[in-house]
Amino acid sequence: MSSRQYRRLNRGGDRQANAALHRIVHTRLRFDPRTQDYYERRIKEGKTRREIVRCRKRYAAREVFHLVRSA
């Protein structure tokens, strides 16, 4: 059994926004060198792919929020 335990903070929310964040993160993992470097660094720290994607989604959400808010 894993020593890590996660709880989803909010099961509801905007499914289209979540799908967009999913696409952003997976596209960045394939094509963005900074995201690829981040992925490799976190893998070496012992993080799982799911944990890394979760962190990147939060990061992308903050970026998008600031872009939308300033517009």
N, C-alpha and C. Protein backbone atom coordinates (compact mmCIF):
# COMPACT_ATOMS: atom_id res chain seq x y z
N MET A 1 0.83 -1.18 0.00
CA MET A 1 0.00 0.00 0.00
C MET A 1 0.88 1.25 0.00
N SER A 2 0.45 2.25 -0.72
CA SER A 2 1.22 3.48 -0.83
C SER A 2 1.13 4.29 0.46
N SER A 3 2.23 4.95 0.80
CA SER A 3 2.22 5.78 1.99
C SER A 3 1.60 7.15 1.71
N ARG A 4 1.30 7.42 0.47
CA ARG A 4 0.71 8.71 0.09
C ARG A 4 -0.81 8.60 0.07
N GLN A 5 -1.44 9.64 0.54
CA GLN A 5 -2.89 9.67 0.51
C GLN A 5 -3.32 11.03 -0.01
N TYR A 6 -4.17 11.03 -1.02
CA TYR A 6 -4.62 12.28 -1.62
C TYR A 6 -6.13 12.37 -1.53
N ARG A 7 -6.59 13.58 -1.36
CA ARG A 7 -8.02 13.84 -1.38
C ARG A 7 -8.29 14.85 -2.45
N ARG A 8 -9.28 14.58 -3.23
CA ARG A 8 -9.70 15.54 -4.23
C ARG A 8 -10.38 16.69 -3.52
N LEU A 9 -9.95 17.90 -3.82
CA LEU A 9 -10.50 19.03 -3.09
C LEU A 9 -11.93 19.33 -3.52
N ASN A 10 -12.20 19.24 -4.80
CA ASN A 10 -13.53 19.60 -5.29
C ASN A 10 -13.89 18.66 -6.43
N ARG A 11 -14.90 17.83 -6.23
CA ARG A 11 -15.29 16.89 -7.26
C ARG A 11 -16.09 17.55 -8.37
N GLY A 12 -16.64 18.70 -8.06
CA GLY A 12 -17.41 19.43 -9.06
C GLY A 12 -16.49 20.29 -9.90
N GLY A 13 -17.05 21.33 -10.46
CA GLY A 13 -16.21 22.26 -11.21
C GLY A 13 -16.52 22.23 -12.68
N ASP A 14 -15.78 23.01 -13.40
CA ASP A 14 -15.98 23.18 -14.83
C ASP A 14 -15.23 22.08 -15.58
N ARG A 15 -15.98 21.14 -16.14
CA ARG A 15 -15.36 20.01 -16.83
C ARG A 15 -14.61 20.44 -18.08
N GLN A 16 -15.13 21.44 -18.78
CA GLN A 16 -14.45 21.93 -19.98
C GLN A 16 -13.13 22.59 -19.62
N ALA A 17 -13.12 23.34 -18.53
CA ALA A 17 -11.87 23.97 -18.08
C ALA A 17 -10.86 22.91 -17.67
N ASN A 18 -11.32 21.89 -16.97
CA ASN A 18 -10.42 20.82 -16.56
C ASN A 18 -9.86 20.08 -17.78
N ALA A 19 -10.70 19.86 -18.78
CA ALA A 19 -10.25 19.19 -20.00
C ALA A 19 -9.22 20.06 -20.73
N ALA A 20 -9.43 21.37 -20.72
CA ALA A 20 -8.47 22.28 -21.35
C ALA A 20 -7.13 22.23 -20.62
N LEU A 21 -7.15 22.24 -19.28
CA LEU A 21 -5.91 22.14 -18.51
C LEU A 21 -5.20 20.82 -18.80
N HIS A 22 -5.97 19.75 -18.92
CA HIS A 22 -5.41 18.44 -19.25
C HIS A 22 -4.67 18.50 -20.58
N ARG A 23 -5.30 19.10 -21.58
CA ARG A 23 -4.67 19.22 -22.90
C ARG A 23 -3.41 20.07 -22.84
N ILE A 24 -3.48 21.19 -22.11
CA ILE A 24 -2.32 22.07 -21.98
C ILE A 24 -1.14 21.31 -21.40
N VAL A 25 -1.38 20.61 -20.30
CA VAL A 25 -0.28 19.92 -19.61
C VAL A 25 0.30 18.81 -20.47
N HIS A 26 -0.55 18.02 -21.10
CA HIS A 26 -0.03 16.91 -21.90
C HIS A 26 0.68 17.40 -23.17
N THR A 27 0.23 18.51 -23.72
CA THR A 27 0.92 19.09 -24.87
C THR A 27 2.28 19.63 -24.44
N ARG A 28 2.31 20.29 -23.29
CA ARG A 28 3.59 20.80 -22.79
C ARG A 28 4.56 19.67 -22.47
N LEU A 29 4.06 18.57 -21.93
CA LEU A 29 4.93 17.44 -21.63
C LEU A 29 5.57 16.89 -22.90
N ARG A 30 4.87 16.98 -24.02
CA ARG A 30 5.41 16.46 -25.28
C ARG A 30 6.34 17.43 -25.97
N PHE A 31 6.07 18.76 -25.87
CA PHE A 31 6.78 19.71 -26.72
C PHE A 31 7.56 20.80 -26.00
N ASP A 32 7.26 21.09 -24.75
CA ASP A 32 7.91 22.20 -24.06
C ASP A 32 9.13 21.73 -23.28
N PRO A 33 10.32 22.21 -23.65
CA PRO A 33 11.55 21.75 -22.97
C PRO A 33 11.56 22.05 -21.47
N ARG A 34 11.00 23.20 -21.05
CA ARG A 34 10.98 23.53 -19.62
C ARG A 34 10.14 22.52 -18.84
N THR A 35 8.99 22.16 -19.40
CA THR A 35 8.12 21.19 -18.73
C THR A 35 8.77 19.82 -18.71
N GLN A 36 9.45 19.45 -19.78
CA GLN A 36 10.14 18.17 -19.84
C GLN A 36 11.26 18.11 -18.80
N ASP A 37 12.00 19.22 -18.64
CA ASP A 37 13.05 19.27 -17.62
C ASP A 37 12.45 19.13 -16.22
N TYR A 38 11.33 19.83 -16.00
CA TYR A 38 10.63 19.75 -14.72
C TYR A 38 10.22 18.30 -14.44
N TYR A 39 9.67 17.64 -15.46
CA TYR A 39 9.21 16.25 -15.33
C TYR A 39 10.38 15.35 -14.92
N GLU A 40 11.49 15.48 -15.61
CA GLU A 40 12.66 14.64 -15.31
C GLU A 40 13.17 14.88 -13.90
N ARG A 41 13.21 16.15 -13.49
CA ARG A 41 13.68 16.50 -12.16
C ARG A 41 12.78 15.89 -11.08
N ARG A 42 11.48 15.97 -11.28
CA ARG A 42 10.54 15.43 -10.29
C ARG A 42 10.55 13.90 -10.25
N ILE A 43 10.75 13.27 -11.40
CA ILE A 43 10.86 11.80 -11.45
C ILE A 43 12.04 11.35 -10.59
N LYS A 44 13.16 12.07 -10.71
CA LYS A 44 14.35 11.74 -9.91
C LYS A 44 14.09 11.93 -8.42
N GLU A 45 13.16 12.82 -8.07
CA GLU A 45 12.80 13.04 -6.67
C GLU A 45 11.85 11.95 -6.15
N GLY A 46 11.38 11.09 -7.05
CA GLY A 46 10.51 10.00 -6.63
C GLY A 46 9.02 10.27 -6.82
N LYS A 47 8.68 11.35 -7.50
CA LYS A 47 7.27 11.66 -7.74
C LYS A 47 6.72 10.75 -8.86
N THR A 48 5.41 10.50 -8.81
CA THR A 48 4.78 9.72 -9.87
C THR A 48 4.31 10.65 -10.98
N ARG A 49 4.01 10.08 -12.13
CA ARG A 49 3.52 10.87 -13.26
C ARG A 49 2.24 11.61 -12.89
N ARG A 50 1.35 10.95 -12.17
CA ARG A 50 0.09 11.59 -11.77
C ARG A 50 0.33 12.79 -10.87
N GLU A 51 1.28 12.67 -9.95
CA GLU A 51 1.59 13.79 -9.06
C GLU A 51 2.15 14.96 -9.86
N ILE A 52 3.01 14.66 -10.81
CA ILE A 52 3.63 15.70 -11.63
C ILE A 52 2.58 16.40 -12.47
N VAL A 53 1.69 15.64 -13.08
CA VAL A 53 0.63 16.24 -13.90
C VAL A 53 -0.28 17.10 -13.03
N ARG A 54 -0.58 16.65 -11.82
CA ARG A 54 -1.41 17.43 -10.91
C ARG A 54 -0.76 18.78 -10.60
N CYS A 55 0.54 18.77 -10.34
CA CYS A 55 1.26 20.03 -10.07
C CYS A 55 1.26 20.94 -11.29
N ARG A 56 1.49 20.36 -12.45
CA ARG A 56 1.53 21.16 -13.68
C ARG A 56 0.16 21.73 -14.01
N LYS A 57 -0.91 21.01 -13.69
CA LYS A 57 -2.27 21.54 -13.92
C LYS A 57 -2.51 22.76 -13.05
N ARG A 58 -2.08 22.69 -11.79
CA ARG A 58 -2.24 23.85 -10.91
C ARG A 58 -1.44 25.03 -11.44
N TYR A 59 -0.24 24.78 -11.92
CA TYR A 59 0.61 25.84 -12.47
C TYR A 59 -0.05 26.46 -13.71
N ALA A 60 -0.55 25.61 -14.60
CA ALA A 60 -1.21 26.10 -15.82
C ALA A 60 -2.48 26.88 -15.46
N ALA A 61 -3.21 26.43 -14.46
CA ALA A 61 -4.43 27.14 -14.06
C ALA A 61 -4.10 28.54 -13.56
N ARG A 62 -3.02 28.68 -12.79
CA ARG A 62 -2.61 30.01 -12.33
C ARG A 62 -2.22 30.90 -13.51
N GLU A 63 -1.48 30.35 -14.46
CA GLU A 63 -1.08 31.12 -15.65
C GLU A 63 -2.30 31.60 -16.42
N VAL A 64 -3.22 30.70 -16.67
CA VAL A 64 -4.42 31.05 -17.44
C VAL A 64 -5.25 32.07 -16.68
N PHE A 65 -5.40 31.89 -15.37
CA PHE A 65 -6.17 32.83 -14.57
C PHE A 65 -5.61 34.24 -14.68
N HIS A 66 -4.29 34.37 -14.57
CA HIS A 66 -3.68 35.70 -14.66
C HIS A 66 -3.84 36.31 -16.05
N LEU A 67 -3.80 35.47 -17.08
CA LEU A 67 -4.01 35.98 -18.44
C LEU A 67 -5.45 36.47 -18.63
N VAL A 68 -6.40 35.71 -18.16
CA VAL A 68 -7.81 36.05 -18.29
C VAL A 68 -8.15 37.27 -17.44
N ARG A 69 -7.60 37.31 -16.24
CA ARG A 69 -7.89 38.41 -15.32
C ARG A 69 -7.37 39.75 -15.84
N SER A 70 -6.21 39.75 -16.48
CA SER A 70 -5.64 41.00 -16.98
C SER A 70 -6.32 41.47 -18.26
N ALA A 71 -7.03 40.59 -18.93
CA ALA A 71 -7.67 40.96 -20.21
C ALA A 71 -8.99 41.65 -20.04
